[in-house]
Amino acid sequence: MCGIVGVAAKREVGNILLEGWRRLEYRGYDSAGLAILNSAGNLDRLRRLGKVQSLNEAYKEKPLEGSLGIAHTRWATHGKPSEKNAHPHQSGGTAIVHNGIIENNQVLKAELQEIGYQFLSDTDSEVIVHLIDSHLKEGISLVEAVRKSVKRLDGAYAIAVISADSPDRIVAARSGCPLVLGKGIGENFVASDVLALQAVTDRFIFLEEGDLVELTSD
């Protein structure tokens, strides 16, 4: 059972994401990762096979700085446990974390390969980030790109998306998998479980089936 944590803040979010991971360890997982949008507007990503502790150690050696980020603990479904299959997945300046199963991923993968996208993992999740990137290239906003993309997905999903195209926000959506928002002061959060956020807030909004949300620090 995978775990999602996302933070939009006005302070460094790395340690918040790490604490969210720690609180989701009870779900079980085989790999973990995070992506943070840095002050230069670029995505920094760190992924590791195995326990969160190995990722904590890697993070301590090279902290990722920024006030917008997403993190994930993965339990393998499509693709064996490995660093390349760990989330977040990235396409250009966009990164996603995903819980669930995309049943039409092979159809979408074939379409995306035809227009030049290369797949670096064995997961069904990677089709989502390439699909979003393809829509961003149409010149639309991140929220509209996510909205168009999720309409193409068959199956169950909870996703959180960040992009250099929209450096102040996370876009999240759910269908068949839970997501909860946490409200803070000058910072807001998204997670698959309230336990991930109890260190930073006690105010929650549970997304309903089919909801899509833009989340900023305000």
C-alpha atoms as a PDB file:
ATOM      1  CA  MET A   1       0.000   0.000   0.000  1.00  0.00           C
ATOM      2  CA  CYS A   2       1.831   3.091  -1.265  1.00  0.00           C
ATOM      3  CA  GLY A   3       2.068   6.406   0.577  1.00  0.00           C
ATOM      4  CA  ILE A   4       1.977  10.004  -0.685  1.00  0.00           C
ATOM      5  CA  VAL A   5       3.109  13.205   1.015  1.00  0.00           C
ATOM      6  CA  GLY A   6       3.179  16.677  -0.554  1.00  0.00           C
ATOM      7  CA  VAL A   7       3.964  20.124   0.856  1.00  0.00           C
ATOM      8  CA  ALA A   8       3.528  23.662  -0.467  1.00  0.00           C
ATOM      9  CA  ALA A   9       5.117  26.056   2.027  1.00  0.00           C
ATOM     10  CA  LYS A  10       7.166  29.193   2.581  1.00  0.00           C
ATOM     11  CA  ARG A  11       9.938  27.259   4.320  1.00  0.00           C
ATOM     12  CA  GLU A  12      12.152  24.305   3.486  1.00  0.00           C
ATOM     13  CA  VAL A  13       9.994  21.200   3.049  1.00  0.00           C
ATOM     14  CA  GLY A  14      12.589  18.400   3.041  1.00  0.00           C
ATOM     15  CA  ASN A  15      12.296  17.510   6.725  1.00  0.00           C
ATOM     16  CA  ILE A  16       8.489  17.661   6.584  1.00  0.00           C
ATOM     17  CA  LEU A  17       8.529  15.132   3.758  1.00  0.00           C
ATOM     18  CA  LEU A  18      10.963  12.910   5.673  1.00  0.00           C
ATOM     19  CA  GLU A  19       8.725  12.924   8.736  1.00  0.00           C
ATOM     20  CA  GLY A  20       5.714  12.121   6.568  1.00  0.00           C
ATOM     21  CA  TRP A  21       7.604   9.112   5.190  1.00  0.00           C
ATOM     22  CA  ARG A  22       8.443   7.905   8.678  1.00  0.00           C
ATOM     23  CA  ARG A  23       4.796   8.024   9.670  1.00  0.00           C
ATOM     24  CA  LEU A  24       3.787   5.989   6.604  1.00  0.00           C
ATOM     25  CA  GLU A  25       6.258   3.172   7.166  1.00  0.00           C
ATOM     26  CA  TYR A  26       3.543   1.034   8.773  1.00  0.00           C
ATOM     27  CA  ARG A  27       1.981   0.571   5.317  1.00  0.00           C
ATOM     28  CA  GLY A  28       4.938  -1.483   4.128  1.00  0.00           C
ATOM     29  CA  TYR A  29       7.054  -0.528   1.110  1.00  0.00           C
ATOM     30  CA  ASP A  30      10.052  -1.550  -0.963  1.00  0.00           C
ATOM     31  CA  SER A  31      11.374   1.838  -2.136  1.00  0.00           C
ATOM     32  CA  ALA A  32      10.954   5.544  -1.473  1.00  0.00           C
ATOM     33  CA  GLY A  33      11.711   8.874  -3.077  1.00  0.00           C
ATOM     34  CA  LEU A  34      11.068  12.594  -3.175  1.00  0.00           C
ATOM     35  CA  ALA A  35      11.200  15.505  -5.595  1.00  0.00           C
ATOM     36  CA  ILE A  36      11.604  19.137  -4.585  1.00  0.00           C
ATOM     37  CA  LEU A  37      11.424  22.222  -6.771  1.00  0.00           C
ATOM     38  CA  ASN A  38      14.456  24.327  -5.901  1.00  0.00           C
ATOM     39  CA  SER A  39      14.844  28.117  -5.852  1.00  0.00           C
ATOM     40  CA  ALA A  40      16.274  28.074  -9.396  1.00  0.00           C
ATOM     41  CA  GLY A  41      13.029  26.537 -10.647  1.00  0.00           C
ATOM     42  CA  ASN A  42      14.491  23.079 -11.294  1.00  0.00           C
ATOM     43  CA  LEU A  43      13.384  19.705  -9.985  1.00  0.00           C
ATOM     44  CA  ASP A  44      15.766  17.796  -7.719  1.00  0.00           C
ATOM     45  CA  ARG A  45      14.907  14.134  -7.194  1.00  0.00           C
ATOM     46  CA  LEU A  46      16.183  11.460  -4.831  1.00  0.00           C
ATOM     47  CA  ARG A  47      15.077   7.809  -4.912  1.00  0.00           C
ATOM     48  CA  ARG A  48      16.289   4.690  -3.146  1.00  0.00           C
ATOM     49  CA  LEU A  49      15.467   1.001  -3.038  1.00  0.00           C
ATOM     50  CA  GLY A  50      14.840  -0.351   0.447  1.00  0.00           C
ATOM     51  CA  LYS A  51      14.002   1.315   3.722  1.00  0.00           C
ATOM     52  CA  VAL A  52      13.358   4.998   4.338  1.00  0.00           C
ATOM     53  CA  GLN A  53      16.463   5.021   6.530  1.00  0.00           C
ATOM     54  CA  SER A  54      18.698   4.606   3.472  1.00  0.00           C
ATOM     55  CA  LEU A  55      16.945   7.541   1.842  1.00  0.00           C
ATOM     56  CA  ASN A  56      17.270   9.586   5.035  1.00  0.00           C
ATOM     57  CA  GLU A  57      21.003   8.969   4.991  1.00  0.00           C
ATOM     58  CA  ALA A  58      21.261   9.935   1.318  1.00  0.00           C
ATOM     59  CA  TYR A  59      19.262  13.093   2.026  1.00  0.00           C
ATOM     60  CA  LYS A  60      21.528  14.051   4.927  1.00  0.00           C
ATOM     61  CA  GLU A  61      24.547  13.733   2.633  1.00  0.00           C
ATOM     62  CA  LYS A  62      22.922  15.911  -0.017  1.00  0.00           C
ATOM     63  CA  PRO A  63      19.823  17.789   1.209  1.00  0.00           C
ATOM     64  CA  LEU A  64      17.334  18.933  -1.426  1.00  0.00           C
ATOM     65  CA  GLU A  65      16.350  22.541  -0.877  1.00  0.00           C
ATOM     66  CA  GLY A  66      13.033  24.132  -1.773  1.00  0.00           C
ATOM     67  CA  SER A  67       9.582  25.039  -0.496  1.00  0.00           C
ATOM     68  CA  LEU A  68       7.510  22.756  -2.759  1.00  0.00           C
ATOM     69  CA  GLY A  69       7.842  19.004  -2.832  1.00  0.00           C
ATOM     70  CA  ILE A  70       6.289  15.550  -3.072  1.00  0.00           C
ATOM     71  CA  ALA A  71       7.358  12.194  -1.612  1.00  0.00           C
ATOM     72  CA  HIS A  72       6.312   8.568  -1.915  1.00  0.00           C
ATOM     73  CA  THR A  73       6.766   5.125  -0.404  1.00  0.00           C
ATOM     74  CA  ARG A  74       6.133   2.361  -2.963  1.00  0.00           C
ATOM     75  CA  TRP A  75       4.891  -1.199  -2.731  1.00  0.00           C
ATOM     76  CA  ALA A  76       5.655  -2.802  -6.096  1.00  0.00           C
ATOM     77  CA  THR A  77       2.763  -3.715  -8.385  1.00  0.00           C
ATOM     78  CA  HIS A  78       3.896  -2.971 -11.956  1.00  0.00           C
ATOM     79  CA  GLY A  79       7.643  -3.517 -12.138  1.00  0.00           C
ATOM     80  CA  LYS A  80       9.955  -5.120  -9.587  1.00  0.00           C
ATOM     81  CA  PRO A  81      11.343  -3.202  -6.608  1.00  0.00           C
ATOM     82  CA  SER A  82      14.183  -1.044  -7.954  1.00  0.00           C
ATOM     83  CA  GLU A  83      15.392   2.538  -7.942  1.00  0.00           C
ATOM     84  CA  LYS A  84      14.213   3.122 -11.523  1.00  0.00           C
ATOM     85  CA  ASN A  85      10.693   2.025 -10.558  1.00  0.00           C
ATOM     86  CA  ALA A  86      10.593   4.150  -7.399  1.00  0.00           C
ATOM     87  CA  HIS A  87       8.513   7.326  -7.360  1.00  0.00           C
ATOM     88  CA  PRO A  88       8.482  10.242  -8.081  1.00  0.00           C
ATOM     89  CA  HIS A  89       8.513   9.740 -11.823  1.00  0.00           C
ATOM     90  CA  GLN A  90       9.628  12.664 -13.965  1.00  0.00           C
ATOM     91  CA  SER A  91       9.029  13.976 -17.467  1.00  0.00           C
ATOM     92  CA  GLY A  92      10.833  17.184 -18.353  1.00  0.00           C
ATOM     93  CA  GLY A  93      10.203  19.612 -15.510  1.00  0.00           C
ATOM     94  CA  THR A  94       7.225  17.703 -14.113  1.00  0.00           C
ATOM     95  CA  ALA A  95       7.135  15.028 -11.416  1.00  0.00           C
ATOM     96  CA  ILE A  96       4.346  12.861  -9.999  1.00  0.00           C
ATOM     97  CA  VAL A  97       3.677  10.394  -7.236  1.00  0.00           C
ATOM     98  CA  HIS A  98       0.885   7.869  -7.739  1.00  0.00           C
ATOM     99  CA  ASN A  99      -1.051   5.324  -5.719  1.00  0.00           C
ATOM    100  CA  GLY A 100      -3.295   2.871  -7.554  1.00  0.00           C
ATOM    101  CA  ILE A 101      -3.335   0.969 -10.831  1.00  0.00           C
ATOM    102  CA  ILE A 102      -3.766   2.372 -14.351  1.00  0.00           C
ATOM    103  CA  GLU A 103      -5.469  -0.406 -16.287  1.00  0.00           C
ATOM    104  CA  ASN A 104      -5.034   1.149 -19.747  1.00  0.00           C
ATOM    105  CA  ASN A 105      -1.362   1.996 -19.237  1.00  0.00           C
ATOM    106  CA  GLN A 106      -0.172  -0.076 -22.205  1.00  0.00           C
ATOM    107  CA  VAL A 107      -2.492   1.752 -24.608  1.00  0.00           C
ATOM    108  CA  LEU A 108      -1.377   5.127 -23.274  1.00  0.00           C
ATOM    109  CA  LYS A 109       2.288   4.064 -23.328  1.00  0.00           C
ATOM    110  CA  ALA A 110       2.063   3.121 -27.008  1.00  0.00           C
ATOM    111  CA  GLU A 111       0.472   6.497 -27.853  1.00  0.00           C
ATOM    112  CA  LEU A 112       3.148   8.400 -25.937  1.00  0.00           C
ATOM    113  CA  GLN A 113       5.995   6.408 -27.479  1.00  0.00           C
ATOM    114  CA  GLU A 114       4.647   7.265 -30.923  1.00  0.00           C
ATOM    115  CA  ILE A 115       5.085  10.963 -30.180  1.00  0.00           C
ATOM    116  CA  GLY A 116       8.609  10.504 -28.849  1.00  0.00           C
ATOM    117  CA  TYR A 117       8.400   9.779 -25.121  1.00  0.00           C
ATOM    118  CA  GLN A 118      10.926   7.326 -23.708  1.00  0.00           C
ATOM    119  CA  PHE A 119      10.015   5.180 -20.724  1.00  0.00           C
ATOM    120  CA  LEU A 120      12.668   4.592 -18.092  1.00  0.00           C
ATOM    121  CA  SER A 121      10.657   2.433 -15.664  1.00  0.00           C
ATOM    122  CA  ASP A 122       8.458  -0.647 -15.786  1.00  0.00           C
ATOM    123  CA  THR A 123       5.605   1.033 -13.916  1.00  0.00           C
ATOM    124  CA  ASP A 124       2.109   1.962 -15.009  1.00  0.00           C
ATOM    125  CA  SER A 125       2.592   5.291 -13.193  1.00  0.00           C
ATOM    126  CA  GLU A 126       5.114   6.703 -15.658  1.00  0.00           C
ATOM    127  CA  VAL A 127       2.439   7.093 -18.336  1.00  0.00           C
ATOM    128  CA  ILE A 128       0.720   9.695 -16.140  1.00  0.00           C
ATOM    129  CA  VAL A 129       3.665  12.079 -15.938  1.00  0.00           C
ATOM    130  CA  HIS A 130       4.397  11.836 -19.681  1.00  0.00           C
ATOM    131  CA  LEU A 131       0.722  12.418 -20.434  1.00  0.00           C
ATOM    132  CA  ILE A 132       0.711  15.536 -18.253  1.00  0.00           C
ATOM    133  CA  ASP A 133       3.921  16.785 -19.874  1.00  0.00           C
ATOM    134  CA  SER A 134       2.420  16.283 -23.340  1.00  0.00           C
ATOM    135  CA  HIS A 135      -0.522  18.484 -22.390  1.00  0.00           C
ATOM    136  CA  LEU A 136       1.705  21.140 -20.818  1.00  0.00           C
ATOM    137  CA  LYS A 137       3.397  21.445 -24.198  1.00  0.00           C
ATOM    138  CA  GLU A 138       0.044  22.639 -25.539  1.00  0.00           C
ATOM    139  CA  GLY A 139       0.559  25.793 -23.461  1.00  0.00           C
ATOM    140  CA  ILE A 140      -2.154  25.131 -20.883  1.00  0.00           C
ATOM    141  CA  SER A 141      -1.849  25.434 -17.092  1.00  0.00           C
ATOM    142  CA  LEU A 142      -0.738  22.583 -14.858  1.00  0.00           C
ATOM    143  CA  VAL A 143      -4.210  22.120 -13.404  1.00  0.00           C
ATOM    144  CA  GLU A 144      -5.745  21.898 -16.890  1.00  0.00           C
ATOM    145  CA  ALA A 145      -3.019  19.493 -18.020  1.00  0.00           C
ATOM    146  CA  VAL A 146      -3.765  17.247 -15.049  1.00  0.00           C
ATOM    147  CA  ARG A 147      -7.511  17.549 -15.645  1.00  0.00           C
ATOM    148  CA  LYS A 148      -7.124  16.477 -19.275  1.00  0.00           C
ATOM    149  CA  SER A 149      -4.785  13.656 -18.318  1.00  0.00           C
ATOM    150  CA  VAL A 150      -6.896  12.034 -15.613  1.00  0.00           C
ATOM    151  CA  LYS A 151      -9.828  11.871 -18.019  1.00  0.00           C
ATOM    152  CA  ARG A 152      -7.724   9.391 -20.014  1.00  0.00           C
ATOM    153  CA  LEU A 153      -6.983   7.115 -17.062  1.00  0.00           C
ATOM    154  CA  ASP A 154      -8.867   3.871 -16.505  1.00  0.00           C
ATOM    155  CA  GLY A 155      -8.415   2.364 -13.070  1.00  0.00           C
ATOM    156  CA  ALA A 156      -7.737   3.791  -9.627  1.00  0.00           C
ATOM    157  CA  TYR A 157      -5.411   6.622  -8.715  1.00  0.00           C
ATOM    158  CA  ALA A 158      -4.381   9.188  -6.190  1.00  0.00           C
ATOM    159  CA  ILE A 159      -1.753  11.535  -7.606  1.00  0.00           C
ATOM    160  CA  ALA A 160       0.187  14.610  -6.585  1.00  0.00           C
ATOM    161  CA  VAL A 161       1.985  16.614  -9.271  1.00  0.00           C
ATOM    162  CA  ILE A 162       4.558  19.409  -9.239  1.00  0.00           C
ATOM    163  CA  SER A 163       6.052  21.190 -12.227  1.00  0.00           C
ATOM    164  CA  ALA A 164       8.574  23.891 -13.022  1.00  0.00           C
ATOM    165  CA  ASP A 165       5.775  25.381 -15.148  1.00  0.00           C
ATOM    166  CA  SER A 166       3.835  26.155 -11.932  1.00  0.00           C
ATOM    167  CA  PRO A 167       6.485  26.554  -9.235  1.00  0.00           C
ATOM    168  CA  ASP A 168       4.102  27.586  -6.455  1.00  0.00           C
ATOM    169  CA  ARG A 169       1.581  24.752  -6.461  1.00  0.00           C
ATOM    170  CA  ILE A 170       0.805  21.083  -6.188  1.00  0.00           C
ATOM    171  CA  VAL A 171      -2.059  19.641  -8.214  1.00  0.00           C
ATOM    172  CA  ALA A 172      -3.650  16.533  -6.734  1.00  0.00           C
ATOM    173  CA  ALA A 173      -6.502  14.289  -7.827  1.00  0.00           C
ATOM    174  CA  ARG A 174      -8.162  11.087  -6.702  1.00  0.00           C
ATOM    175  CA  SER A 175     -10.378   8.349  -8.068  1.00  0.00           C
ATOM    176  CA  GLY A 176     -10.712   5.127  -6.115  1.00  0.00           C
ATOM    177  CA  CYS A 177      -7.768   5.869  -3.789  1.00  0.00           C
ATOM    178  CA  PRO A 178      -7.875   8.186  -0.761  1.00  0.00           C
ATOM    179  CA  LEU A 179      -6.241  11.607  -0.464  1.00  0.00           C
ATOM    180  CA  VAL A 180      -6.446  14.113   2.367  1.00  0.00           C
ATOM    181  CA  LEU A 181      -5.463  17.784   2.534  1.00  0.00           C
ATOM    182  CA  GLY A 182      -3.887  19.328   5.612  1.00  0.00           C
ATOM    183  CA  LYS A 183      -4.380  23.044   6.266  1.00  0.00           C
ATOM    184  CA  GLY A 184      -1.604  25.012   7.888  1.00  0.00           C
ATOM    185  CA  ILE A 185      -0.621  28.665   8.305  1.00  0.00           C
ATOM    186  CA  GLY A 186       1.388  29.750   5.276  1.00  0.00           C
ATOM    187  CA  GLU A 187       1.670  26.113   4.221  1.00  0.00           C
ATOM    188  CA  ASN A 188      -0.634  23.337   3.087  1.00  0.00           C
ATOM    189  CA  PHE A 189      -0.263  19.612   2.647  1.00  0.00           C
ATOM    190  CA  VAL A 190      -1.586  16.575   0.813  1.00  0.00           C
ATOM    191  CA  ALA A 191      -1.195  12.944   1.829  1.00  0.00           C
ATOM    192  CA  SER A 192      -2.703   9.528   1.457  1.00  0.00           C
ATOM    193  CA  ASP A 193      -3.203   9.273   5.223  1.00  0.00           C
ATOM    194  CA  VAL A 194      -3.779  11.794   8.047  1.00  0.00           C
ATOM    195  CA  LEU A 195      -1.025  10.065  10.051  1.00  0.00           C
ATOM    196  CA  ALA A 196       1.532  11.462   7.619  1.00  0.00           C
ATOM    197  CA  LEU A 197       0.545  15.024   8.525  1.00  0.00           C
ATOM    198  CA  GLN A 198      -0.243  14.928  12.230  1.00  0.00           C
ATOM    199  CA  ALA A 199       3.140  16.451  13.102  1.00  0.00           C
ATOM    200  CA  VAL A 200       2.304  19.625  11.161  1.00  0.00           C
ATOM    201  CA  THR A 201      -1.476  20.146  11.340  1.00  0.00           C
ATOM    202  CA  ASP A 202      -4.700  18.991  12.948  1.00  0.00           C
ATOM    203  CA  ARG A 203      -6.998  20.450  10.285  1.00  0.00           C
ATOM    204  CA  PHE A 204      -7.933  18.114   7.443  1.00  0.00           C
ATOM    205  CA  ILE A 205     -10.132  18.034   4.343  1.00  0.00           C
ATOM    206  CA  PHE A 206     -10.863  14.624   2.863  1.00  0.00           C
ATOM    207  CA  LEU A 207     -11.089  14.736  -0.919  1.00  0.00           C
ATOM    208  CA  GLU A 208     -14.166  13.125  -2.391  1.00  0.00           C
ATOM    209  CA  GLU A 209     -14.286  10.748  -5.342  1.00  0.00           C
ATOM    210  CA  GLY A 210     -13.291  12.557  -8.544  1.00  0.00           C
ATOM    211  CA  ASP A 211     -11.943  15.672  -6.787  1.00  0.00           C
ATOM    212  CA  LEU A 212      -9.061  17.666  -8.256  1.00  0.00           C
ATOM    213  CA  VAL A 213      -7.339  20.403  -6.263  1.00  0.00           C
ATOM    214  CA  GLU A 214      -4.694  23.100  -6.649  1.00  0.00           C
ATOM    215  CA  LEU A 215      -2.668  23.490  -3.469  1.00  0.00           C
ATOM    216  CA  THR A 216      -0.449  26.482  -2.700  1.00  0.00           C
ATOM    217  CA  SER A 217       1.171  27.777   0.490  1.00  0.00           C
ATOM    218  CA  ASP A 218      -1.834  30.120   0.850  1.00  0.00           C
END
